[in-house]
């Protein structure tokens, strides 16, 4: 019996109205989608430097102040899976519009807030908007740019923006807080959202719903979202209440029960929120695990280096923000180089090398001394970490989308973003506990100064982050090597994008 003929790959030039980065419209679409991701990542870190000003202005208690940051992370991480599936189910443009409206409205509300409760509520709503935006934008990117060359370049830009957003958040936070005031840290989102809304209206074409609303997996949505919210909440609160506390154990157990019930429901549901078959795709599973581990080490770097520069080196907010400028340049360089290397050597060597270089940079940073300087003790490790991270982000995004059809692109994007947020929350919880425990131990037993004790605590935390990066390299070595997207059939439909005005 003769073998089945292999399906042909249809090049973008053969697909009617296919978008390409060689056209102005294609470039405009890429800039639009990167702007959306930039807003999402920016708001995870932009308020950190403004927290002291917010505390004084709105009379926050120290305990409730953390929810200005944690509230955003909680709803962002908790609703990502639902946001990704909604993008596939309802259409990427619809979900993008809804997310932009929620994001802009909550930013305006937070900027005008005159009570701590209203600001925290606005940050919860912001996280919900971000959870709709990120997977909708990434799935639109992967289904729009289909040729090898375009997809590698587009994912390279996406990876660069994902890394740059965190650094830019610290910089903008310092400039705006010491300039017009902390409220502008929130108001700055409104013009970004307005530009993105107009761009999406002009560039992205509407899509039909893929299934009737009555087929939506409501039980799965409640169990999955509830379990994720409880898990992220437990991780955020664990450093405060203690990992061994009854409350922490109960919340983690509750999250495990809810997520187990969610998986059981997905096996039986006719139209599941999370088709479990997608977890058997090796590229997705390995990429998500790698993303979780690398973010566990990297996300906390900002937290500890910012504390080190402000409390030990006595930097001002603007000085601290400016200290991250070399990171943005290094990430931009590494993502550009990695995008070129993807077509030549494949994604696997890029990710393995990127995660190992990131680990080396974090190890270098773990040597920060009490009487240190930025140029000698912070800058070199920061640059090395950034060079590795940019390459890792590009390769991970390529692997996570390689074996995914267009009908599940939003789900794959939601899973990758969920791994990113979970990794950040898990890493910060674990590394904060390690730093605090070591600092307290030194203060009790060795009689060190506060500066010496906290610096040693930061060292232990950053060293643990380096181990997470090495673990990410080990996991990424299990992936298939992708030199080109793994789709052997490109759908005959043109990408769902309309004409620019």
Protein backbone atom coordinates (compact mmCIF):
# COMPACT_ATOMS: atom_id res chain seq x y z
CA UNK A 1 0.00 0.00 0.00
CA UNK A 2 1.45 3.36 -0.98
CA UNK A 3 2.14 5.98 1.61
CA UNK A 4 -0.25 8.88 1.94
CA UNK A 5 0.93 12.00 0.10
CA UNK A 6 2.29 14.63 2.48
CA UNK A 7 0.22 17.81 2.75
CA UNK A 8 1.73 20.83 1.10
CA UNK A 9 2.76 23.93 2.94
CA UNK A 10 1.08 26.98 1.51
CA UNK A 11 3.38 29.97 1.60
CA UNK A 12 2.02 33.33 2.73
CA UNK A 13 2.34 34.69 -0.76
CA UNK A 14 -0.14 32.04 -1.91
CA UNK A 15 -2.73 32.95 0.72
CA UNK A 16 -5.00 35.79 -0.35
CA UNK A 17 -4.42 39.03 1.58
CA UNK A 18 -1.85 37.33 3.85
CA UNK A 19 -0.10 39.77 6.10
CA UNK A 20 3.67 40.05 5.81
CA UNK A 21 6.29 42.07 7.61
CA UNK A 22 7.40 43.30 4.21
CA UNK A 23 4.20 45.37 4.05
CA UNK A 24 3.35 48.47 6.06
CA UNK A 25 0.12 46.86 7.22
CA UNK A 26 1.98 43.84 8.57
CA UNK A 27 4.41 46.06 10.46
CA UNK A 28 1.50 48.08 11.84
CA UNK A 29 -0.22 44.91 13.09
CA UNK A 30 2.96 43.74 14.79
CA UNK A 31 3.45 47.13 16.47
CA UNK A 32 -0.17 47.06 17.64
CA UNK A 33 0.10 43.59 19.20
CA UNK A 34 3.45 44.42 20.82
CA UNK A 35 1.93 47.59 22.30
CA UNK A 36 -0.79 45.49 23.94
CA UNK A 37 1.78 43.14 25.47
CA UNK A 38 3.91 46.08 26.57
CA UNK A 39 0.97 47.51 28.55
CA UNK A 40 0.33 44.17 30.24
CA UNK A 41 3.92 43.60 31.36
CA UNK A 42 4.52 47.25 32.21
CA UNK A 43 1.72 47.31 34.77
CA UNK A 44 3.10 44.34 36.67
CA UNK A 45 6.09 46.48 37.79
CA UNK A 46 5.32 50.17 37.20
CA UNK A 47 3.68 50.76 40.59
CA UNK A 48 6.46 49.21 42.68
CA UNK A 49 8.51 52.40 43.01
CA UNK A 50 5.34 54.47 43.60
CA UNK A 51 4.24 52.40 46.62
CA UNK A 52 5.72 54.71 49.32
CA UNK A 53 3.97 57.72 47.73
CA UNK A 54 0.69 55.80 47.42
CA UNK A 55 0.95 54.71 51.08
CA UNK A 56 1.27 58.32 52.25
CA UNK A 57 -1.35 59.70 49.88
CA UNK A 58 -4.15 57.21 50.56
CA UNK A 59 -3.18 56.26 54.13
CA UNK A 60 -2.57 52.58 53.33
CA UNK A 61 -1.67 50.15 56.06
CA UNK A 62 1.54 48.21 55.43
CA UNK A 63 -0.44 44.95 55.18
CA UNK A 64 -2.92 46.22 52.59
CA UNK A 65 -0.29 48.06 50.49
CA UNK A 66 0.96 44.81 48.94
CA UNK A 67 -2.39 44.33 47.21
CA UNK A 68 -1.70 47.28 44.94
CA UNK A 69 0.79 44.96 43.21
CA UNK A 70 -0.54 41.53 44.20
CA UNK A 71 -4.14 42.30 43.19
CA UNK A 72 -3.05 42.80 39.59
CA UNK A 73 -0.95 39.62 39.56
CA UNK A 74 -3.79 37.62 41.15
CA UNK A 75 -6.50 38.33 38.58
CA UNK A 76 -4.01 38.42 35.69
CA UNK A 77 -2.74 34.93 36.50
CA UNK A 78 -6.12 33.56 37.55
CA UNK A 79 -8.10 34.53 34.45
CA UNK A 80 -5.48 33.92 31.72
CA UNK A 81 -6.70 30.46 30.79
CA UNK A 82 -10.27 31.70 30.51
CA UNK A 83 -9.10 34.73 28.50
CA UNK A 84 -7.16 32.54 26.07
CA UNK A 85 -10.07 30.19 25.46
CA UNK A 86 -12.47 33.11 25.10
CA UNK A 87 -10.23 34.48 22.32
CA UNK A 88 -10.63 31.19 20.41
CA UNK A 89 -14.33 30.89 21.22
CA UNK A 90 -15.59 34.46 20.77
CA UNK A 91 -12.96 35.89 18.43
CA UNK A 92 -9.63 37.55 19.14
CA UNK A 93 -10.72 41.06 18.18
CA UNK A 94 -13.81 40.96 20.43
CA UNK A 95 -11.78 39.82 23.43
CA UNK A 96 -9.07 42.40 22.64
CA UNK A 97 -11.64 45.22 22.56
CA UNK A 98 -13.23 44.07 25.82
CA UNK A 99 -9.84 43.82 27.50
CA UNK A 100 -8.81 47.31 26.35
CA UNK A 101 -12.04 48.84 27.67
CA UNK A 102 -11.68 47.13 31.06
CA UNK A 103 -7.99 48.04 31.24
CA UNK A 104 -8.47 51.71 30.38
CA UNK A 105 -11.51 52.16 32.65
CA UNK A 106 -9.78 50.55 35.62
CA UNK A 107 -6.64 52.65 35.03
CA UNK A 108 -8.74 55.83 35.07
CA UNK A 109 -10.57 54.68 38.21
CA UNK A 110 -7.31 53.84 39.97
CA UNK A 111 -5.73 57.16 39.01
CA UNK A 112 -8.72 59.06 40.43
CA UNK A 113 -9.04 56.89 43.55
CA UNK A 114 -9.20 58.67 46.92
CA UNK A 115 -9.40 55.55 49.05
CA UNK A 116 -7.22 52.48 49.41
CA UNK A 117 -10.14 50.12 48.73
CA UNK A 118 -11.00 51.76 45.40
CA UNK A 119 -7.40 51.64 44.20
CA UNK A 120 -7.06 47.94 45.10
CA UNK A 121 -10.35 47.19 43.35
CA UNK A 122 -9.13 49.03 40.25
CA UNK A 123 -5.94 46.97 40.24
CA UNK A 124 -7.98 43.73 40.42
CA UNK A 125 -9.98 44.94 37.40
CA UNK A 126 -6.76 45.88 35.58
CA UNK A 127 -5.49 42.33 36.00
CA UNK A 128 -8.74 41.00 34.54
CA UNK A 129 -8.33 43.26 31.50
CA UNK A 130 -4.71 42.15 31.08
CA UNK A 131 -5.79 38.48 31.22
CA UNK A 132 -8.00 39.11 28.19
CA UNK A 133 -5.42 41.16 26.30
CA UNK A 134 -2.28 39.03 26.47
CA UNK A 135 -3.56 35.70 25.02
CA UNK A 136 -5.75 37.47 22.46
CA UNK A 137 -2.75 39.47 21.20
CA UNK A 138 -0.30 36.54 21.13
CA UNK A 139 -2.76 34.24 19.35
CA UNK A 140 -3.49 37.01 16.81
CA UNK A 141 0.27 37.28 16.22
CA UNK A 142 0.85 33.56 15.68
CA UNK A 143 -2.13 33.22 13.32
CA UNK A 144 -1.27 36.37 11.36
CA UNK A 145 2.44 35.85 10.64
CA UNK A 146 2.76 32.40 9.09
CA UNK A 147 5.94 32.30 7.07
CA UNK A 148 9.11 31.14 8.83
CA UNK A 149 10.81 34.50 8.37
CA UNK A 150 7.85 36.61 9.50
CA UNK A 151 6.97 34.42 12.47
CA UNK A 152 10.53 34.35 13.80
CA UNK A 153 10.82 38.12 13.54
CA UNK A 154 7.37 38.68 15.07
CA UNK A 155 8.05 36.34 17.99
CA UNK A 156 11.44 38.01 18.42
CA UNK A 157 9.73 41.37 18.80
CA UNK A 158 7.19 39.82 21.20
CA UNK A 159 9.96 38.33 23.31
CA UNK A 160 11.79 41.65 23.41
CA UNK A 161 8.66 43.48 24.53
CA UNK A 162 7.99 40.88 27.25
CA UNK A 163 11.43 41.53 28.70
CA UNK A 164 11.47 45.28 28.12
CA UNK A 165 8.10 45.87 29.77
CA UNK A 166 9.35 44.91 33.22
CA UNK A 167 12.41 47.16 33.00
CA UNK A 168 10.44 50.03 31.46
CA UNK A 169 7.90 49.75 34.27
CA UNK A 170 10.55 50.41 36.89
CA UNK A 171 11.96 53.34 34.88
CA UNK A 172 8.59 54.96 34.09
CA UNK A 173 7.42 54.39 37.65
CA UNK A 174 10.37 56.36 39.00
CA UNK A 175 10.07 59.19 36.47
CA UNK A 176 6.31 59.62 36.88
CA UNK A 177 6.32 59.31 40.68
CA UNK A 178 8.98 61.98 41.14
CA UNK A 179 7.51 64.07 38.29
CA UNK A 180 3.74 64.64 37.96
CA UNK A 181 2.92 62.19 40.77
CA UNK A 182 1.95 58.56 41.35
CA UNK A 183 -1.52 58.93 39.80
CA UNK A 184 0.10 59.35 36.39
CA UNK A 185 1.57 55.87 36.77
CA UNK A 186 -2.03 54.74 36.11
CA UNK A 187 -3.16 57.54 33.79
CA UNK A 188 -0.34 56.71 31.34
CA UNK A 189 -2.22 53.53 30.36
CA UNK A 190 -5.15 55.46 28.91
CA UNK A 191 -3.44 56.91 25.79
CA UNK A 192 -1.75 53.54 25.19
CA UNK A 193 -5.13 51.78 25.35
CA UNK A 194 -6.75 54.40 23.09
CA UNK A 195 -4.07 53.96 20.42
CA UNK A 196 -4.39 50.16 20.66
CA UNK A 197 -8.20 50.35 20.39
CA UNK A 198 -8.10 52.49 17.22
CA UNK A 199 -5.36 50.29 15.76
CA UNK A 200 -7.33 47.10 16.41
CA UNK A 201 -10.44 48.68 14.88
CA UNK A 202 -8.57 49.54 11.69
CA UNK A 203 -6.27 46.53 11.33
CA UNK A 204 -7.97 43.45 12.81
CA UNK A 205 -10.97 41.88 11.15
CA UNK A 206 -13.83 40.47 13.20
CA UNK A 207 -14.23 36.70 13.55
CA UNK A 208 -17.27 34.51 13.88
CA UNK A 209 -17.92 32.58 17.05
CA UNK A 210 -16.64 29.04 16.71
CA UNK A 211 -19.46 27.49 18.77
CA UNK A 212 -22.85 28.50 20.25
CA UNK A 213 -22.70 30.07 23.70
CA UNK A 214 -24.77 27.21 25.13
CA UNK A 215 -21.81 24.88 24.48
CA UNK A 216 -19.49 26.98 26.64
CA UNK A 217 -17.91 24.97 29.46
CA UNK A 218 -19.25 27.03 32.39
CA UNK A 219 -18.39 24.41 35.02
CA UNK A 220 -14.83 24.18 33.74
CA UNK A 221 -14.55 27.98 33.71
CA UNK A 222 -15.61 28.23 37.36
CA UNK A 223 -13.39 25.37 38.56
CA UNK A 224 -10.34 26.34 36.50
CA UNK A 225 -10.49 30.06 37.23
CA UNK A 226 -11.35 29.50 40.90
CA UNK A 227 -8.49 27.02 41.33
CA UNK A 228 -5.99 29.34 39.63
CA UNK A 229 -7.12 32.34 41.68
CA UNK A 230 -6.78 30.39 44.92
CA UNK A 231 -3.37 29.03 43.91
CA UNK A 232 -1.95 32.46 43.00
CA UNK A 233 -3.47 33.99 46.16
CA UNK A 234 -1.86 31.29 48.33
CA UNK A 235 1.53 31.90 46.68
CA UNK A 236 1.26 35.67 47.11
CA UNK A 237 0.29 35.43 50.80
CA UNK A 238 2.65 32.60 51.80
CA UNK A 239 5.67 34.84 52.58
CA UNK A 240 3.51 36.89 54.98
CA UNK A 241 1.62 34.16 56.84
CA UNK A 242 4.28 31.43 56.54
CA UNK A 243 4.57 28.35 54.34
CA UNK A 244 3.76 26.03 57.23
CA UNK A 245 0.77 28.03 58.45
CA UNK A 246 -2.61 26.28 58.49
CA UNK A 247 -4.04 29.01 56.28
CA UNK A 248 -1.40 28.50 53.57
CA UNK A 249 -1.74 24.71 53.62
CA UNK A 250 -5.55 24.96 53.48
CA UNK A 251 -5.47 27.35 50.51
CA UNK A 252 -2.97 25.22 48.59
CA UNK A 253 -5.04 22.09 49.31
CA UNK A 254 -8.20 23.89 48.19
CA UNK A 255 -6.51 24.98 44.97
CA UNK A 256 -5.34 21.41 44.34
CA UNK A 257 -8.87 20.03 44.85
CA UNK A 258 -10.41 22.67 42.56
CA UNK A 259 -7.85 22.08 39.80
CA UNK A 260 -8.21 18.28 40.10
CA UNK A 261 -11.98 18.68 39.76
CA UNK A 262 -11.35 20.95 36.76
CA UNK A 263 -9.24 18.29 35.02
CA UNK A 264 -11.88 15.62 35.75
CA UNK A 265 -14.57 17.87 34.28
CA UNK A 266 -12.49 18.56 31.16
CA UNK A 267 -12.27 14.83 30.44
CA UNK A 268 -16.07 14.57 30.32
CA UNK A 269 -17.11 17.96 28.88
CA UNK A 270 -18.36 17.97 25.29
CA UNK A 271 -16.68 21.31 24.52
CA UNK A 272 -14.02 21.65 27.25
CA UNK A 273 -12.40 24.93 28.25
CA UNK A 274 -9.04 23.12 28.21
CA UNK A 275 -8.96 20.21 25.73
CA UNK A 276 -6.53 17.91 27.52
CA UNK A 277 -5.14 16.71 24.21
CA UNK A 278 -3.22 19.98 23.97
CA UNK A 279 -1.17 18.96 27.02
CA UNK A 280 0.11 15.94 25.09
CA UNK A 281 1.75 18.25 22.56
CA UNK A 282 5.37 18.01 23.64
CA UNK A 283 6.33 21.49 22.49
CA UNK A 284 3.63 23.16 24.57
CA UNK A 285 4.29 21.13 27.73
CA UNK A 286 8.06 21.69 27.65
CA UNK A 287 7.77 25.37 26.70
CA UNK A 288 5.28 26.09 29.48
CA UNK A 289 7.42 24.32 32.09
CA UNK A 290 10.51 26.20 30.88
CA UNK A 291 8.63 29.50 31.00
CA UNK A 292 7.46 28.84 34.55
CA UNK A 293 10.97 28.06 35.80
CA UNK A 294 12.78 30.91 34.05
CA UNK A 295 10.20 33.43 35.28
CA UNK A 296 10.52 32.09 38.83
CA UNK A 297 14.14 33.23 38.75
CA UNK A 298 13.90 36.35 36.59
CA UNK A 299 10.75 38.08 37.91
CA UNK A 300 12.15 38.27 41.44
CA UNK A 301 15.39 39.84 40.19
CA UNK A 302 13.65 43.20 39.80
CA UNK A 303 12.28 42.97 43.33
CA UNK A 304 15.59 42.23 45.04
CA UNK A 305 17.81 44.47 42.91
CA UNK A 306 15.42 47.40 43.40
CA UNK A 307 15.51 46.86 47.18
CA UNK A 308 19.30 46.53 47.10
CA UNK A 309 19.80 49.75 45.15
CA UNK A 310 17.37 51.75 47.27
CA UNK A 311 18.10 50.40 50.75
CA UNK A 312 21.81 49.50 50.50
CA UNK A 313 23.18 51.76 47.74
CA UNK A 314 20.65 54.54 48.70
CA UNK A 315 19.52 55.26 45.14
CA UNK A 316 16.55 57.54 44.47
CA UNK A 317 13.53 56.18 42.54
CA UNK A 318 14.71 57.85 39.32
CA UNK A 319 18.26 56.51 39.75
CA UNK A 320 16.88 53.03 40.38
CA UNK A 321 14.71 53.16 37.28
CA UNK A 322 17.54 54.47 35.12
CA UNK A 323 19.77 51.63 36.35
CA UNK A 324 17.63 49.21 34.30
CA UNK A 325 18.15 51.03 30.98
CA UNK A 326 21.06 48.75 29.91
CA UNK A 327 18.73 45.79 30.41
CA UNK A 328 16.37 47.10 27.73
CA UNK A 329 19.23 47.50 25.25
CA UNK A 330 20.66 44.04 25.99
CA UNK A 331 17.27 42.33 25.61
CA UNK A 332 16.68 44.14 22.31
CA UNK A 333 20.04 42.94 20.97
CA UNK A 334 19.61 39.35 22.12
CA UNK A 335 16.09 38.95 20.73
CA UNK A 336 17.24 40.26 17.35
CA UNK A 337 20.16 37.82 17.26
CA UNK A 338 18.01 34.94 18.54
CA UNK A 339 15.39 35.54 15.83
CA UNK A 340 18.08 35.07 13.19
CA UNK A 341 19.49 31.98 14.90
CA UNK A 342 16.10 30.25 15.06
CA UNK A 343 16.08 29.59 11.32
CA UNK A 344 19.71 28.40 11.33
CA UNK A 345 20.14 26.24 14.44
CA UNK A 346 16.58 25.86 15.70
CA UNK A 347 14.73 26.81 18.88
CA UNK A 348 16.16 24.19 21.24
CA UNK A 349 19.80 25.42 21.27
CA UNK A 350 18.54 29.01 21.55
CA UNK A 351 16.41 28.26 24.62
CA UNK A 352 19.01 26.07 26.35
CA UNK A 353 21.77 28.64 25.79
CA UNK A 354 19.48 31.52 26.78
CA UNK A 355 18.38 29.94 30.06
CA UNK A 356 21.95 28.97 30.98
CA UNK A 357 23.23 32.48 30.26
CA UNK A 358 20.37 33.87 32.36
CA UNK A 359 21.41 31.57 35.20
CA UNK A 360 24.99 32.78 34.88
CA UNK A 361 23.86 36.39 35.09
CA UNK A 362 21.75 35.72 38.19
CA UNK A 363 24.70 33.92 39.79
CA UNK A 364 26.86 36.97 39.08
CA UNK A 365 24.23 39.22 40.69
CA UNK A 366 24.11 36.95 43.74
CA UNK A 367 27.62 38.22 44.60
CA UNK A 368 26.43 41.79 45.32
CA UNK A 369 28.37 43.15 48.33
CA UNK A 370 27.27 45.46 51.12
CA UNK A 371 29.73 48.15 50.07
CA UNK A 372 29.24 47.79 46.33
CA UNK A 373 28.73 49.96 43.30
CA UNK A 374 26.43 49.82 40.32
CA UNK A 375 29.15 49.69 37.67
CA UNK A 376 31.17 46.93 39.30
CA UNK A 377 28.53 44.79 41.01
CA UNK A 378 25.13 45.28 39.34
CA UNK A 379 25.63 46.27 35.69
CA UNK A 380 27.69 43.24 34.48
CA UNK A 381 25.31 40.65 35.89
CA UNK A 382 22.27 42.63 34.71
CA UNK A 383 23.58 42.71 31.13
CA UNK A 384 24.45 38.99 31.10
CA UNK A 385 21.01 38.08 32.50
CA UNK A 386 19.30 40.23 29.87
CA UNK A 387 21.25 38.75 26.97
CA UNK A 388 20.19 35.26 28.02
CA UNK A 389 16.62 36.19 28.77
CA UNK A 390 15.87 37.79 25.40
CA UNK A 391 17.01 34.65 23.58
CA UNK A 392 15.07 32.38 25.95
CA UNK A 393 11.80 34.30 25.48
CA UNK A 394 11.98 34.13 21.68
CA UNK A 395 12.73 30.40 21.62
CA UNK A 396 10.09 29.53 24.22
CA UNK A 397 7.37 31.42 22.34
CA UNK A 398 8.35 29.62 19.12
CA UNK A 399 8.20 26.17 20.77
CA UNK A 400 4.89 26.90 22.52
CA UNK A 401 3.14 27.76 19.24
CA UNK A 402 4.84 25.31 16.87
CA UNK A 403 2.32 22.46 16.95
CA UNK A 404 -0.86 24.46 17.55
CA UNK A 405 -3.60 24.93 14.98
CA UNK A 406 -5.29 28.28 14.49
CA UNK A 407 -8.41 27.14 16.35
CA UNK A 408 -6.40 26.66 19.57
CA UNK A 409 -3.90 29.50 19.26
CA UNK A 410 -5.63 31.50 22.01
CA UNK A 411 -5.56 28.53 24.36
CA UNK A 412 -1.84 27.97 23.73
CA UNK A 413 -1.17 31.67 24.33
CA UNK A 414 -3.20 31.57 27.54
CA UNK A 415 -1.30 28.54 28.82
CA UNK A 416 2.08 30.18 28.10
CA UNK A 417 1.03 33.43 29.80
CA UNK A 418 -0.36 31.46 32.75
CA UNK A 419 2.99 29.69 33.14
CA UNK A 420 4.69 33.10 33.10
CA UNK A 421 2.46 34.55 35.83
CA UNK A 422 2.54 31.42 37.97
CA UNK A 423 6.31 31.29 37.69
CA UNK A 424 6.60 34.93 38.75
CA UNK A 425 4.28 34.48 41.73
CA UNK A 426 5.86 31.17 42.79
CA UNK A 427 9.41 32.49 42.44
CA UNK A 428 8.72 35.66 44.38
CA UNK A 429 7.03 33.70 47.17
CA UNK A 430 9.85 31.18 47.50
CA UNK A 431 12.73 33.63 47.08
CA UNK A 432 11.18 36.16 49.48
CA UNK A 433 10.82 33.45 52.11
CA UNK A 434 14.46 32.43 51.62
CA UNK A 435 15.74 36.02 51.80
CA UNK A 436 13.65 36.84 54.88
CA UNK A 437 14.61 33.67 56.75
CA UNK A 438 18.33 34.17 56.07
CA UNK A 439 18.22 37.86 57.00
CA UNK A 440 16.40 37.18 60.28
CA UNK A 441 18.81 34.36 61.12
CA UNK A 442 21.84 36.63 60.64
CA UNK A 443 20.30 39.41 62.71
CA UNK A 444 19.61 37.00 65.58
CA UNK A 445 22.78 34.93 65.64
CA UNK A 446 25.64 36.98 64.20
CA UNK A 447 24.78 40.50 65.22
CA UNK A 448 25.30 41.88 61.72
CA UNK A 449 24.05 45.31 60.68
CA UNK A 450 20.73 45.54 58.90
CA UNK A 451 22.48 46.40 55.60
CA UNK A 452 24.76 43.36 55.90
CA UNK A 453 21.92 41.01 56.84
CA UNK A 454 19.52 42.10 54.08
CA UNK A 455 22.28 42.01 51.45
CA UNK A 456 23.12 38.43 52.38
CA UNK A 457 19.42 37.61 52.17
CA UNK A 458 19.27 39.09 48.66
CA UNK A 459 22.34 37.04 47.72
CA UNK A 460 20.67 33.79 48.75
CA UNK A 461 17.49 34.71 46.87
CA UNK A 462 19.33 35.57 43.65
CA UNK A 463 21.40 32.38 43.93
CA UNK A 464 18.17 30.38 44.15
CA UNK A 465 16.93 32.25 41.06
CA UNK A 466 20.06 31.06 39.23
CA UNK A 467 19.20 27.46 40.15
CA UNK A 468 15.69 27.97 38.71
CA UNK A 469 17.27 29.14 35.43
CA UNK A 470 19.52 26.06 35.29
CA UNK A 471 16.46 23.87 35.93
CA UNK A 472 14.73 25.65 33.03
CA UNK A 473 17.69 24.76 30.80
CA UNK A 474 17.41 21.10 31.82
CA UNK A 475 13.69 21.03 31.01
CA UNK A 476 14.14 22.85 27.69
CA UNK A 477 16.64 20.22 26.57
CA UNK A 478 13.68 17.79 26.31
CA UNK A 479 12.03 19.81 23.54
CA UNK A 480 12.09 19.04 19.83
CA UNK A 481 14.32 21.35 17.82
CA UNK A 482 12.19 23.71 15.72
CA UNK A 483 13.85 25.31 12.73
CA UNK A 484 10.54 26.25 11.23
CA UNK A 485 6.90 26.20 12.38
CA UNK A 486 5.70 22.62 12.65
CA UNK A 487 2.38 23.09 10.87
CA UNK A 488 2.44 20.87 7.81
CA UNK A 489 -0.80 22.40 6.60
CA UNK A 490 -1.58 26.09 6.57
CA UNK A 491 -5.36 26.74 6.63
CA UNK A 492 -6.69 27.98 3.31
CA UNK A 493 -8.39 30.97 4.89
CA UNK A 494 -6.55 34.27 4.87
CA UNK A 495 -5.49 35.67 8.24
CA UNK A 496 -8.34 37.43 10.01
CA UNK A 497 -7.10 40.94 9.41
CA UNK A 498 -8.75 43.75 7.55
CA UNK A 499 -7.45 46.64 5.51
CA UNK A 500 -5.86 49.60 7.22
CA UNK A 501 -7.62 52.90 6.74
